[in-house]
Amino acid sequence: MKSHSSSTLLEVRNLKVSFQGIETVTVLSGISFSIRESETLALVGETGCGKSVVAHAIMHLLPPESKVKGDIELRGKNLLGLNEKEMAKIRGKEIAIIFQNPSLALNPVYSIGHQLAEPLRVHRKEKKKSALSRVAIALKHMGFENFSECIDYYPSWCSGGMNQRFLIAASTILDPSLLIADEPSKGLDRKCVDELEAELKKLKLERKTALLLISHDLGFVQRLADRIAVMYAGEIVEFANPSSVFEKPLHPYTRGLLNSLPEKGFIPIPGISSPLSDLSSGCRFHPRCPLREKRCIEAHPELKEIDGRTVRCFLYP
């Protein structure tokens, strides 16, 4: 086994995911990254680039028609080698996930108290009364003053922002080392996004929780991330800290993403991303790239390191 850094919590190496149907579609093409203890790593990119597939691969939540290759190690333990029973012991306890759309992610027929108590009853075999007491404490930590009443609420009674905080409480009630947040700000208004941001920062500060943040909200990412991986068409095209990405982006796609922000003039990237079932030869971004050269069409660039950061582009020697 490869030597494992004591500060490395999650290591993903050469992760490849394909879906098999009438034809085989490769949705991830050799993704590699690591997350250290208490670190926030953000995956950003347009819808359909494969960000959420990374999260579902880590959690063993991909559909049966998927094929996964590579290594996903949590503190040196290869998760891809685990069966469902073994993974169920890790899911929620060591790695938890906040899904998109909190109002849909919560079960409408069960109370909030029931749903938050379930991980405690499954993983720690706690009795109902004890579990509900811990749920009340978790809701109090999430800022609910009426936490004893919230236990009896149902998701349909609550706002999107309240349900988002319920989801965070449910995901963190077992104090996982790693929390995956998959588009957690999607569909939330500005006030709810601010509350969510404060809660995620508090988790990192008080519980030392590491975070894999998956988002297309670049402002949200800039305020939370320690490092950013920019994804395009199933692969990472740039990897750097937030100040480098936002102040001096290297990859033309990263520049295009930033230029599409309102404060940069809201200039969209021309064209659309190639479907993963019909990827371009050469650099996958070349059909939309204003700086493309002949070699960009003919050859596929590898990731290369430049001044402590990583980029997949022929513009850099």
C-alpha atoms as a PDB file:
ATOM      1  CA  MET A   1       0.000   0.000   0.000  1.00  0.00           C
ATOM      2  CA  LYS A   2       1.128   3.517  -0.753  1.00  0.00           C
ATOM      3  CA  SER A   3       2.463   5.455   2.243  1.00  0.00           C
ATOM      4  CA  HIS A   4      -0.338   7.498   3.746  1.00  0.00           C
ATOM      5  CA  SER A   5       0.181  11.008   5.120  1.00  0.00           C
ATOM      6  CA  SER A   6      -1.124  11.334   8.685  1.00  0.00           C
ATOM      7  CA  SER A   7      -2.925  14.554   7.731  1.00  0.00           C
ATOM      8  CA  THR A   8      -4.600  13.097   4.636  1.00  0.00           C
ATOM      9  CA  LEU A   9      -8.186  12.075   5.295  1.00  0.00           C
ATOM     10  CA  LEU A  10      -9.431  11.132   1.810  1.00  0.00           C
ATOM     11  CA  GLU A  11      -7.340  10.171  -1.202  1.00  0.00           C
ATOM     12  CA  VAL A  12      -8.948   9.745  -4.646  1.00  0.00           C
ATOM     13  CA  ARG A  13      -6.649   8.402  -7.352  1.00  0.00           C
ATOM     14  CA  ASN A  14      -7.383   7.946 -11.047  1.00  0.00           C
ATOM     15  CA  LEU A  15     -11.140   7.639 -10.493  1.00  0.00           C
ATOM     16  CA  LYS A  16     -12.949   6.532 -13.625  1.00  0.00           C
ATOM     17  CA  VAL A  17     -16.716   6.083 -13.831  1.00  0.00           C
ATOM     18  CA  SER A  18     -18.733   4.898 -16.805  1.00  0.00           C
ATOM     19  CA  PHE A  19     -22.401   4.084 -17.298  1.00  0.00           C
ATOM     20  CA  GLN A  20     -23.329   1.098 -19.408  1.00  0.00           C
ATOM     21  CA  GLY A  21     -26.497   1.149 -21.473  1.00  0.00           C
ATOM     22  CA  ILE A  22     -27.040   0.919 -25.212  1.00  0.00           C
ATOM     23  CA  GLU A  23     -23.576   2.473 -25.347  1.00  0.00           C
ATOM     24  CA  THR A  24     -20.966   2.999 -22.630  1.00  0.00           C
ATOM     25  CA  VAL A  25     -20.560   6.633 -21.536  1.00  0.00           C
ATOM     26  CA  THR A  26     -17.477   7.623 -19.521  1.00  0.00           C
ATOM     27  CA  VAL A  27     -18.448  10.392 -17.106  1.00  0.00           C
ATOM     28  CA  LEU A  28     -15.218  10.634 -15.074  1.00  0.00           C
ATOM     29  CA  SER A  29     -11.837  10.251 -16.770  1.00  0.00           C
ATOM     30  CA  GLY A  30      -9.139   9.727 -14.153  1.00  0.00           C
ATOM     31  CA  ILE A  31      -9.972  12.198 -11.356  1.00  0.00           C
ATOM     32  CA  SER A  32      -7.363  12.511  -8.578  1.00  0.00           C
ATOM     33  CA  PHE A  33      -7.363  14.677  -5.443  1.00  0.00           C
ATOM     34  CA  SER A  34      -6.871  14.495  -1.691  1.00  0.00           C
ATOM     35  CA  ILE A  35      -8.564  16.149   1.273  1.00  0.00           C
ATOM     36  CA  ARG A  36      -6.694  16.792   4.494  1.00  0.00           C
ATOM     37  CA  GLU A  37      -8.164  16.734   7.994  1.00  0.00           C
ATOM     38  CA  SER A  38     -10.363  19.851   8.571  1.00  0.00           C
ATOM     39  CA  GLU A  39      -9.811  21.059   4.980  1.00  0.00           C
ATOM     40  CA  THR A  40     -12.470  22.345   2.582  1.00  0.00           C
ATOM     41  CA  LEU A  41     -11.959  21.269  -1.032  1.00  0.00           C
ATOM     42  CA  ALA A  42     -14.382  22.613  -3.633  1.00  0.00           C
ATOM     43  CA  LEU A  43     -15.253  21.005  -6.968  1.00  0.00           C
ATOM     44  CA  VAL A  44     -16.622  23.590  -9.396  1.00  0.00           C
ATOM     45  CA  GLY A  45     -17.800  23.504 -12.987  1.00  0.00           C
ATOM     46  CA  GLU A  46     -20.866  23.654 -15.182  1.00  0.00           C
ATOM     47  CA  THR A  47     -23.831  21.315 -14.761  1.00  0.00           C
ATOM     48  CA  GLY A  48     -23.076  17.899 -16.238  1.00  0.00           C
ATOM     49  CA  CYS A  49     -19.287  17.996 -15.803  1.00  0.00           C
ATOM     50  CA  GLY A  50     -19.319  15.072 -13.337  1.00  0.00           C
ATOM     51  CA  LYS A  51     -19.073  16.824  -9.948  1.00  0.00           C
ATOM     52  CA  SER A  52     -21.961  14.968  -8.320  1.00  0.00           C
ATOM     53  CA  VAL A  53     -20.778  11.645  -9.775  1.00  0.00           C
ATOM     54  CA  VAL A  54     -17.581  12.078  -7.728  1.00  0.00           C
ATOM     55  CA  ALA A  55     -19.667  12.450  -4.557  1.00  0.00           C
ATOM     56  CA  HIS A  56     -21.865   9.455  -5.331  1.00  0.00           C
ATOM     57  CA  ALA A  57     -18.830   7.299  -6.191  1.00  0.00           C
ATOM     58  CA  ILE A  58     -17.239   8.094  -2.816  1.00  0.00           C
ATOM     59  CA  MET A  59     -20.482   7.228  -1.009  1.00  0.00           C
ATOM     60  CA  HIS A  60     -21.204   4.026  -3.038  1.00  0.00           C
ATOM     61  CA  LEU A  61     -24.478   5.560  -4.241  1.00  0.00           C
ATOM     62  CA  LEU A  62     -24.097   5.094  -8.000  1.00  0.00           C
ATOM     63  CA  PRO A  63     -26.691   2.997  -9.890  1.00  0.00           C
ATOM     64  CA  PRO A  64     -26.027  -0.689 -10.723  1.00  0.00           C
ATOM     65  CA  GLU A  65     -25.236   0.083 -14.380  1.00  0.00           C
ATOM     66  CA  SER A  66     -22.181   2.116 -13.347  1.00  0.00           C
ATOM     67  CA  LYS A  67     -18.611   0.824 -13.521  1.00  0.00           C
ATOM     68  CA  VAL A  68     -16.053   2.364 -11.148  1.00  0.00           C
ATOM     69  CA  LYS A  69     -12.255   2.043 -11.370  1.00  0.00           C
ATOM     70  CA  GLY A  70      -9.422   3.638  -9.396  1.00  0.00           C
ATOM     71  CA  ASP A  71      -8.808   4.120  -5.673  1.00  0.00           C
ATOM     72  CA  ILE A  72     -10.845   5.924  -3.018  1.00  0.00           C
ATOM     73  CA  GLU A  73      -9.119   5.685   0.361  1.00  0.00           C
ATOM     74  CA  LEU A  74     -10.401   6.968   3.690  1.00  0.00           C
ATOM     75  CA  ARG A  75      -7.470   7.056   6.134  1.00  0.00           C
ATOM     76  CA  GLY A  76      -5.806   4.360   4.033  1.00  0.00           C
ATOM     77  CA  LYS A  77      -8.872   2.075   3.764  1.00  0.00           C
ATOM     78  CA  ASN A  78      -9.925   1.450   0.149  1.00  0.00           C
ATOM     79  CA  LEU A  79     -13.672   2.173   0.023  1.00  0.00           C
ATOM     80  CA  LEU A  80     -14.098   0.653  -3.432  1.00  0.00           C
ATOM     81  CA  GLY A  81     -13.136  -2.724  -1.987  1.00  0.00           C
ATOM     82  CA  LEU A  82     -15.997  -2.688   0.543  1.00  0.00           C
ATOM     83  CA  ASN A  83     -19.330  -4.432   0.090  1.00  0.00           C
ATOM     84  CA  GLU A  84     -22.625  -2.645   0.825  1.00  0.00           C
ATOM     85  CA  LYS A  85     -22.843  -3.922   4.409  1.00  0.00           C
ATOM     86  CA  GLU A  86     -19.317  -2.689   5.172  1.00  0.00           C
ATOM     87  CA  MET A  87     -19.948   0.658   3.458  1.00  0.00           C
ATOM     88  CA  ALA A  88     -23.203   1.157   5.381  1.00  0.00           C
ATOM     89  CA  LYS A  89     -21.158   1.233   8.600  1.00  0.00           C
ATOM     90  CA  ILE A  90     -19.064   4.109   7.215  1.00  0.00           C
ATOM     91  CA  ARG A  91     -21.853   6.044   5.499  1.00  0.00           C
ATOM     92  CA  GLY A  92     -23.185   8.670   7.898  1.00  0.00           C
ATOM     93  CA  LYS A  93     -20.721   7.758  10.632  1.00  0.00           C
ATOM     94  CA  GLU A  94     -17.383   8.603   8.977  1.00  0.00           C
ATOM     95  CA  ILE A  95     -18.528  10.234   5.729  1.00  0.00           C
ATOM     96  CA  ALA A  96     -21.879  12.000   5.404  1.00  0.00           C
ATOM     97  CA  ILE A  97     -23.549  13.801   2.506  1.00  0.00           C
ATOM     98  CA  ILE A  98     -25.935  16.738   2.174  1.00  0.00           C
ATOM     99  CA  PHE A  99     -27.943  16.263  -1.003  1.00  0.00           C
ATOM    100  CA  GLN A 100     -29.311  18.943  -3.325  1.00  0.00           C
ATOM    101  CA  ASN A 101     -32.788  20.354  -2.625  1.00  0.00           C
ATOM    102  CA  PRO A 102     -33.311  19.896   1.126  1.00  0.00           C
ATOM    103  CA  SER A 103     -37.114  19.857   0.906  1.00  0.00           C
ATOM    104  CA  LEU A 104     -36.956  16.790  -1.367  1.00  0.00           C
ATOM    105  CA  ALA A 105     -34.037  15.077   0.389  1.00  0.00           C
ATOM    106  CA  LEU A 106     -36.018  14.792   3.642  1.00  0.00           C
ATOM    107  CA  ASN A 107     -38.743  12.136   3.826  1.00  0.00           C
ATOM    108  CA  PRO A 108     -42.136  13.917   3.885  1.00  0.00           C
ATOM    109  CA  VAL A 109     -43.920  11.196   5.903  1.00  0.00           C
ATOM    110  CA  TYR A 110     -41.578  11.196   8.918  1.00  0.00           C
ATOM    111  CA  SER A 111     -41.061  13.919  11.503  1.00  0.00           C
ATOM    112  CA  ILE A 112     -37.758  15.775  11.708  1.00  0.00           C
ATOM    113  CA  GLY A 113     -37.074  14.159  15.086  1.00  0.00           C
ATOM    114  CA  HIS A 114     -37.580  10.665  13.671  1.00  0.00           C
ATOM    115  CA  GLN A 115     -35.252  11.322  10.712  1.00  0.00           C
ATOM    116  CA  LEU A 116     -32.478  12.864  12.803  1.00  0.00           C
ATOM    117  CA  ALA A 117     -32.694  10.137  15.454  1.00  0.00           C
ATOM    118  CA  GLU A 118     -32.413   7.313  12.920  1.00  0.00           C
ATOM    119  CA  PRO A 119     -28.582   7.456  12.458  1.00  0.00           C
ATOM    120  CA  LEU A 120     -28.138   7.325  16.250  1.00  0.00           C
ATOM    121  CA  ARG A 121     -30.441   4.332  16.558  1.00  0.00           C
ATOM    122  CA  VAL A 122     -28.838   2.489  13.611  1.00  0.00           C
ATOM    123  CA  HIS A 123     -25.135   3.196  14.244  1.00  0.00           C
ATOM    124  CA  ARG A 124     -25.056   3.638  18.038  1.00  0.00           C
ATOM    125  CA  LYS A 125     -28.076   1.500  19.004  1.00  0.00           C
ATOM    126  CA  GLU A 126     -29.421   4.341  21.157  1.00  0.00           C
ATOM    127  CA  LYS A 127     -32.901   4.095  22.664  1.00  0.00           C
ATOM    128  CA  LYS A 128     -35.577   6.416  21.261  1.00  0.00           C
ATOM    129  CA  LYS A 129     -35.654   8.766  24.265  1.00  0.00           C
ATOM    130  CA  SER A 130     -31.864   9.129  24.378  1.00  0.00           C
ATOM    131  CA  ALA A 131     -31.654   9.663  20.603  1.00  0.00           C
ATOM    132  CA  LEU A 132     -34.336  12.380  20.663  1.00  0.00           C
ATOM    133  CA  SER A 133     -32.481  14.162  23.485  1.00  0.00           C
ATOM    134  CA  ARG A 134     -29.366  14.243  21.284  1.00  0.00           C
ATOM    135  CA  VAL A 135     -31.492  15.456  18.352  1.00  0.00           C
ATOM    136  CA  ALA A 136     -32.740  18.361  20.481  1.00  0.00           C
ATOM    137  CA  ILE A 137     -29.124  19.315  21.294  1.00  0.00           C
ATOM    138  CA  ALA A 138     -28.165  19.091  17.600  1.00  0.00           C
ATOM    139  CA  LEU A 139     -31.068  21.369  16.611  1.00  0.00           C
ATOM    140  CA  LYS A 140     -30.092  23.839  19.331  1.00  0.00           C
ATOM    141  CA  HIS A 141     -26.537  23.896  17.926  1.00  0.00           C
ATOM    142  CA  MET A 142     -28.039  24.658  14.494  1.00  0.00           C
ATOM    143  CA  GLY A 143     -29.593  27.840  15.914  1.00  0.00           C
ATOM    144  CA  PHE A 144     -33.188  26.682  16.474  1.00  0.00           C
ATOM    145  CA  GLU A 145     -34.480  28.416  19.596  1.00  0.00           C
ATOM    146  CA  ASN A 146     -37.666  26.308  19.510  1.00  0.00           C
ATOM    147  CA  PHE A 147     -35.667  23.080  19.111  1.00  0.00           C
ATOM    148  CA  SER A 148     -38.058  21.005  21.276  1.00  0.00           C
ATOM    149  CA  GLU A 149     -40.944  21.932  18.959  1.00  0.00           C
ATOM    150  CA  CYS A 150     -38.920  21.296  15.764  1.00  0.00           C
ATOM    151  CA  ILE A 151     -38.623  17.614  16.661  1.00  0.00           C
ATOM    152  CA  ASP A 152     -42.328  17.197  15.842  1.00  0.00           C
ATOM    153  CA  TYR A 153     -42.238  19.238  12.609  1.00  0.00           C
ATOM    154  CA  TYR A 154     -42.578  17.699   9.141  1.00  0.00           C
ATOM    155  CA  PRO A 155     -40.489  18.931   6.161  1.00  0.00           C
ATOM    156  CA  SER A 156     -43.569  20.368   4.398  1.00  0.00           C
ATOM    157  CA  TRP A 157     -44.190  22.667   7.360  1.00  0.00           C
ATOM    158  CA  CYS A 158     -40.774  24.289   7.001  1.00  0.00           C
ATOM    159  CA  SER A 159     -38.941  26.717   4.711  1.00  0.00           C
ATOM    160  CA  GLY A 160     -36.076  25.667   2.430  1.00  0.00           C
ATOM    161  CA  GLY A 161     -33.580  27.263   4.790  1.00  0.00           C
ATOM    162  CA  MET A 162     -34.966  25.394   7.825  1.00  0.00           C
ATOM    163  CA  ASN A 163     -34.907  22.098   5.955  1.00  0.00           C
ATOM    164  CA  GLN A 164     -31.326  22.760   4.877  1.00  0.00           C
ATOM    165  CA  ARG A 165     -30.317  23.191   8.523  1.00  0.00           C
ATOM    166  CA  PHE A 166     -32.224  20.017   9.439  1.00  0.00           C
ATOM    167  CA  LEU A 167     -30.250  18.170   6.752  1.00  0.00           C
ATOM    168  CA  ILE A 168     -26.936  19.493   8.079  1.00  0.00           C
ATOM    169  CA  ALA A 169     -27.947  18.404  11.589  1.00  0.00           C
ATOM    170  CA  ALA A 170     -28.884  14.946  10.286  1.00  0.00           C
ATOM    171  CA  SER A 171     -25.617  14.639   8.347  1.00  0.00           C
ATOM    172  CA  THR A 172     -23.397  15.710  11.242  1.00  0.00           C
ATOM    173  CA  ILE A 173     -25.162  14.173  14.252  1.00  0.00           C
ATOM    174  CA  LEU A 174     -22.613  11.315  14.294  1.00  0.00           C
ATOM    175  CA  ASP A 175     -19.662  13.732  13.949  1.00  0.00           C
ATOM    176  CA  PRO A 176     -18.323  12.403  10.618  1.00  0.00           C
ATOM    177  CA  SER A 177     -14.750  13.258   9.675  1.00  0.00           C
ATOM    178  CA  LEU A 178     -15.827  14.239   6.144  1.00  0.00           C
ATOM    179  CA  LEU A 179     -18.989  15.986   5.009  1.00  0.00           C
ATOM    180  CA  ILE A 180     -19.867  16.075   1.305  1.00  0.00           C
ATOM    181  CA  ALA A 181     -22.111  19.003   0.406  1.00  0.00           C
ATOM    182  CA  ASP A 182     -23.587  18.542  -3.087  1.00  0.00           C
ATOM    183  CA  GLU A 183     -24.849  21.914  -4.376  1.00  0.00           C
ATOM    184  CA  PRO A 184     -26.050  22.838  -0.850  1.00  0.00           C
ATOM    185  CA  SER A 185     -26.921  26.445  -1.795  1.00  0.00           C
ATOM    186  CA  LYS A 186     -28.983  25.516  -4.872  1.00  0.00           C
ATOM    187  CA  GLY A 187     -32.471  27.016  -4.781  1.00  0.00           C
ATOM    188  CA  LEU A 188     -31.897  28.922  -1.527  1.00  0.00           C
ATOM    189  CA  ASP A 189     -32.448  32.670  -1.187  1.00  0.00           C
ATOM    190  CA  ARG A 190     -29.643  35.002  -0.126  1.00  0.00           C
ATOM    191  CA  LYS A 191     -30.520  34.894   3.582  1.00  0.00           C
ATOM    192  CA  CYS A 192     -30.582  31.077   3.611  1.00  0.00           C
ATOM    193  CA  VAL A 193     -27.257  30.921   1.737  1.00  0.00           C
ATOM    194  CA  ASP A 194     -25.676  33.223   4.345  1.00  0.00           C
ATOM    195  CA  GLU A 195     -27.022  31.012   7.153  1.00  0.00           C
ATOM    196  CA  LEU A 196     -25.745  27.873   5.404  1.00  0.00           C
ATOM    197  CA  GLU A 197     -22.310  29.418   4.936  1.00  0.00           C
ATOM    198  CA  ALA A 198     -22.139  30.315   8.630  1.00  0.00           C
ATOM    199  CA  GLU A 199     -23.124  26.766   9.633  1.00  0.00           C
ATOM    200  CA  LEU A 200     -20.486  25.142   7.397  1.00  0.00           C
ATOM    201  CA  LYS A 201     -17.801  27.490   8.743  1.00  0.00           C
ATOM    202  CA  LYS A 202     -18.866  26.634  12.300  1.00  0.00           C
ATOM    203  CA  LEU A 203     -18.608  22.900  11.586  1.00  0.00           C
ATOM    204  CA  LYS A 204     -15.048  23.337  10.398  1.00  0.00           C
ATOM    205  CA  LEU A 205     -14.068  25.568  13.311  1.00  0.00           C
ATOM    206  CA  GLU A 206     -15.775  23.725  16.172  1.00  0.00           C
ATOM    207  CA  ARG A 207     -15.820  20.091  15.025  1.00  0.00           C
ATOM    208  CA  LYS A 208     -12.797  20.111  12.673  1.00  0.00           C
ATOM    209  CA  THR A 209     -14.984  18.565   9.961  1.00  0.00           C
ATOM    210  CA  ALA A 210     -13.414  18.259   6.505  1.00  0.00           C
ATOM    211  CA  LEU A 211     -15.693  19.332   3.650  1.00  0.00           C
ATOM    212  CA  LEU A 212     -15.971  18.342   0.004  1.00  0.00           C
ATOM    213  CA  LEU A 213     -18.022  21.214  -1.393  1.00  0.00           C
ATOM    214  CA  ILE A 214     -19.622  20.682  -4.798  1.00  0.00           C
ATOM    215  CA  SER A 215     -21.052  23.862  -6.257  1.00  0.00           C
ATOM    216  CA  HIS A 216     -21.478  26.099  -9.266  1.00  0.00           C
ATOM    217  CA  ASP A 217     -21.848  29.138  -6.956  1.00  0.00           C
ATOM    218  CA  LEU A 218     -18.356  30.619  -7.274  1.00  0.00           C
ATOM    219  CA  GLY A 219     -18.880  33.331  -4.670  1.00  0.00           C
ATOM    220  CA  PHE A 220     -19.997  30.751  -2.118  1.00  0.00           C
ATOM    221  CA  VAL A 221     -16.954  28.621  -2.951  1.00  0.00           C
ATOM    222  CA  GLN A 222     -14.528  31.538  -2.719  1.00  0.00           C
ATOM    223  CA  ARG A 223     -15.638  32.289   0.844  1.00  0.00           C
ATOM    224  CA  LEU A 224     -15.444  28.690   2.074  1.00  0.00           C
ATOM    225  CA  ALA A 225     -12.769  26.736   0.177  1.00  0.00           C
ATOM    226  CA  ASP A 226      -9.118  26.134   1.074  1.00  0.00           C
ATOM    227  CA  ARG A 227      -8.472  24.656  -2.397  1.00  0.00           C
ATOM    228  CA  ILE A 228     -10.497  24.566  -5.614  1.00  0.00           C
ATOM    229  CA  ALA A 229     -10.566  21.920  -8.342  1.00  0.00           C
ATOM    230  CA  VAL A 230     -12.151  23.148 -11.589  1.00  0.00           C
ATOM    231  CA  MET A 231     -13.838  20.368 -13.589  1.00  0.00           C
ATOM    232  CA  TYR A 232     -14.757  20.271 -17.263  1.00  0.00           C
ATOM    233  CA  ALA A 233     -16.275  17.345 -19.182  1.00  0.00           C
ATOM    234  CA  GLY A 234     -15.343  14.661 -16.655  1.00  0.00           C
ATOM    235  CA  GLU A 235     -11.816  15.751 -15.740  1.00  0.00           C
ATOM    236  CA  ILE A 236      -9.991  18.318 -13.602  1.00  0.00           C
ATOM    237  CA  VAL A 237      -8.539  21.188 -15.653  1.00  0.00           C
ATOM    238  CA  GLU A 238      -7.186  23.425 -12.868  1.00  0.00           C
ATOM    239  CA  PHE A 239      -6.284  22.989  -9.205  1.00  0.00           C
ATOM    240  CA  ALA A 240      -5.233  25.877  -6.943  1.00  0.00           C
ATOM    241  CA  ASN A 241      -6.064  27.886  -3.834  1.00  0.00           C
ATOM    242  CA  PRO A 242      -8.961  30.396  -4.088  1.00  0.00           C
ATOM    243  CA  SER A 243      -6.804  33.514  -4.373  1.00  0.00           C
ATOM    244  CA  SER A 244      -4.878  32.008  -7.311  1.00  0.00           C
ATOM    245  CA  VAL A 245      -8.047  30.853  -9.068  1.00  0.00           C
ATOM    246  CA  PHE A 246      -9.913  34.131  -8.653  1.00  0.00           C
ATOM    247  CA  GLU A 247      -7.001  36.561  -9.121  1.00  0.00           C
ATOM    248  CA  LYS A 248      -4.961  34.738 -11.765  1.00  0.00           C
ATOM    249  CA  PRO A 249      -6.838  31.845 -13.398  1.00  0.00           C
ATOM    250  CA  LEU A 250      -4.659  29.831 -15.768  1.00  0.00           C
ATOM    251  CA  HIS A 251      -7.046  27.652 -17.763  1.00  0.00           C
ATOM    252  CA  PRO A 252      -9.184  29.412 -20.414  1.00  0.00           C
ATOM    253  CA  TYR A 253     -12.239  27.589 -19.054  1.00  0.00           C
ATOM    254  CA  THR A 254     -11.622  28.925 -15.527  1.00  0.00           C
ATOM    255  CA  ARG A 255     -11.286  32.430 -16.991  1.00  0.00           C
ATOM    256  CA  GLY A 256     -14.563  31.918 -18.829  1.00  0.00           C
ATOM    257  CA  LEU A 257     -16.327  30.818 -15.638  1.00  0.00           C
ATOM    258  CA  LEU A 258     -15.129  33.916 -13.797  1.00  0.00           C
ATOM    259  CA  ASN A 259     -16.063  36.228 -16.687  1.00  0.00           C
ATOM    260  CA  SER A 260     -19.610  34.861 -16.538  1.00  0.00           C
ATOM    261  CA  LEU A 261     -20.034  36.271 -13.008  1.00  0.00           C
ATOM    262  CA  PRO A 262     -22.230  39.409 -12.760  1.00  0.00           C
ATOM    263  CA  GLU A 263     -19.377  41.452 -11.251  1.00  0.00           C
ATOM    264  CA  LYS A 264     -17.205  40.580 -14.278  1.00  0.00           C
ATOM    265  CA  GLY A 265     -19.796  41.683 -16.814  1.00  0.00           C
ATOM    266  CA  PHE A 266     -21.794  38.443 -17.083  1.00  0.00           C
ATOM    267  CA  ILE A 267     -20.034  37.341 -20.291  1.00  0.00           C
ATOM    268  CA  PRO A 268     -21.053  33.720 -20.969  1.00  0.00           C
ATOM    269  CA  ILE A 269     -18.659  31.136 -22.388  1.00  0.00           C
ATOM    270  CA  PRO A 270     -19.547  30.678 -26.074  1.00  0.00           C
ATOM    271  CA  GLY A 271     -21.086  27.371 -27.130  1.00  0.00           C
ATOM    272  CA  ILE A 272     -22.076  24.490 -24.888  1.00  0.00           C
ATOM    273  CA  SER A 273     -20.119  21.743 -23.180  1.00  0.00           C
ATOM    274  CA  SER A 274     -19.615  18.657 -25.343  1.00  0.00           C
ATOM    275  CA  PRO A 275     -21.874  15.759 -24.254  1.00  0.00           C
ATOM    276  CA  LEU A 276     -19.889  13.100 -22.398  1.00  0.00           C
ATOM    277  CA  SER A 277     -21.150  10.540 -24.911  1.00  0.00           C
ATOM    278  CA  ASP A 278     -19.468  12.464 -27.761  1.00  0.00           C
ATOM    279  CA  LEU A 279     -16.316  14.150 -26.470  1.00  0.00           C
ATOM    280  CA  SER A 280     -14.046  16.154 -28.748  1.00  0.00           C
ATOM    281  CA  SER A 281     -10.635  14.820 -29.692  1.00  0.00           C
ATOM    282  CA  GLY A 282      -7.711  16.699 -28.215  1.00  0.00           C
ATOM    283  CA  CYS A 283      -8.444  19.182 -25.428  1.00  0.00           C
ATOM    284  CA  ARG A 284     -12.071  18.800 -24.395  1.00  0.00           C
ATOM    285  CA  PHE A 285     -12.500  22.572 -24.130  1.00  0.00           C
ATOM    286  CA  HIS A 286     -11.046  23.423 -27.544  1.00  0.00           C
ATOM    287  CA  PRO A 287     -14.410  23.856 -29.391  1.00  0.00           C
ATOM    288  CA  ARG A 288     -15.232  26.751 -27.015  1.00  0.00           C
ATOM    289  CA  CYS A 289     -11.727  28.087 -26.393  1.00  0.00           C
ATOM    290  CA  PRO A 290     -10.748  31.512 -27.836  1.00  0.00           C
ATOM    291  CA  LEU A 291      -7.034  30.601 -27.524  1.00  0.00           C
ATOM    292  CA  ARG A 292      -7.072  27.190 -29.244  1.00  0.00           C
ATOM    293  CA  GLU A 293      -4.220  26.163 -31.480  1.00  0.00           C
ATOM    294  CA  LYS A 294      -3.832  23.247 -33.895  1.00  0.00           C
ATOM    295  CA  ARG A 295      -2.263  21.022 -31.225  1.00  0.00           C
ATOM    296  CA  CYS A 296      -5.290  21.604 -28.959  1.00  0.00           C
ATOM    297  CA  ILE A 297      -7.466  19.860 -31.548  1.00  0.00           C
ATOM    298  CA  GLU A 298      -5.052  16.974 -32.125  1.00  0.00           C
ATOM    299  CA  ALA A 299      -3.656  16.068 -28.672  1.00  0.00           C
ATOM    300  CA  HIS A 300      -5.084  15.764 -25.180  1.00  0.00           C
ATOM    301  CA  PRO A 301      -3.154  17.871 -22.615  1.00  0.00           C
ATOM    302  CA  GLU A 302      -2.001  16.308 -19.348  1.00  0.00           C
ATOM    303  CA  LEU A 303      -2.151  17.987 -15.953  1.00  0.00           C
ATOM    304  CA  LYS A 304       1.081  19.836 -15.180  1.00  0.00           C
ATOM    305  CA  GLU A 305       2.352  21.650 -12.101  1.00  0.00           C
ATOM    306  CA  ILE A 306       3.216  25.345 -12.314  1.00  0.00           C
ATOM    307  CA  ASP A 307       4.291  27.327  -9.239  1.00  0.00           C
ATOM    308  CA  GLY A 308       2.479  25.090  -6.759  1.00  0.00           C
ATOM    309  CA  ARG A 309      -0.723  24.790  -8.765  1.00  0.00           C
ATOM    310  CA  THR A 310      -1.958  22.446 -11.485  1.00  0.00           C
ATOM    311  CA  VAL A 311      -3.395  23.079 -14.954  1.00  0.00           C
ATOM    312  CA  ARG A 312      -4.363  21.007 -18.008  1.00  0.00           C
ATOM    313  CA  CYS A 313      -3.488  23.282 -20.936  1.00  0.00           C
ATOM    314  CA  PHE A 314      -0.895  23.575 -23.743  1.00  0.00           C
ATOM    315  CA  LEU A 315      -0.511  27.313 -23.072  1.00  0.00           C
ATOM    316  CA  TYR A 316       1.889  26.467 -20.251  1.00  0.00           C
ATOM    317  CA  PRO A 317       5.249  24.745 -20.849  1.00  0.00           C
END
